[in-house]
């Protein structure tokens, strides 16, 4: 009986505390109407208390965010000029000391509690939302799917090779986007091609591996800071693995079509031969365009006794094959797992690449 009374008492206390919290939130969490000023645009009004990221999306201002606003990707960096409140511990791991000093914040972590003024990259104001119909799809490996998304309504998309889009993942609880590099070439303006690796329990990849031809998909874009040096004498070095092939495929096909004399390298690493994406396509390209050199390497060659090509980790192939040259007229585009990117960056720096000429797209 005593235990029952204690349980009832504790339950009553819990209910009371919940009611008090709800009342307090109603009284003190009502921030009224707040104004949000973005760059030099006219301010827009929102009901206070929500996330800055959500307010921007409601206004069709699509800044990058690949984690669904959970503060775990660090993509939604925004300069808060005033009104953002104190920096939160959840933001600190994603911001450099300099960024913290100049007011950079994660838009998904900033709550609008009063009038706020922010600065976003001008290019984000040109990012659009697109509707697309799923076109042909095929499995390239046991877990990587090639997907074609045909834009609807006569729309077209302008992008640079090396950029990416964010696919809207259907979710009842919140707005969820996932980022995927564009594999198609910029000249194909009414379609984007993606390569998507299936991640167990991954929201984005599970969704995109389940869509069928004719389904509708929504995405925003393009995003990405990389700008290809189009001059014929500048060298481009691509290093990647897995779905890191997507931007390489866009870059090298673009170069082959528009600037075939440009010197280029593709270094692509895989564990076994069944993961060598588009090997035949690129080798055929290299036969026609001698300034484009291709190197595929296997890290587990013992499982592929018929393999006659390079072996080891892909940065080791870079070290063997790439000439040392300190010219500023060289660019590198890296896309792959963090450890691969770290090793490739160090190797390229040893070959004379300046850090600002090495662009890395981590997944």
Foldseek 3Di string as FASTA:
>chain_A
DVVVVVVVVVVVVVVVVVVVVVVCCVVVVFLAKAWEAEDPDDTDIDGFFAFQQVVCVVVQQDFDDAAQLPLPPLRQKWAWPDQQDDADPSFVVSDDPVCNVRRIGRRSPTTRRHYTYIYDPPVSNVKGKFKWFWADKDDLFPFKMKTKTFTPPPFWDADAQPWWKWWFFDDPPGTHTHIFHFQAARVRTGMTMTIAGDDVVDRVRVRVVPDDGGDMIMIIDTDDDDDDDLDQAFEEEEEEEASSCRSVNHVVVNCVVPRLNHAYEYQYEDADPSRPGCPVVVVVSCVVRVSYYYAYEHANCVVPVVDDGHYRQRLVVCLVPPAQDQDQRYAYEYEYAPVSLVSNLVSVVVSNYDPVRYHYDHD
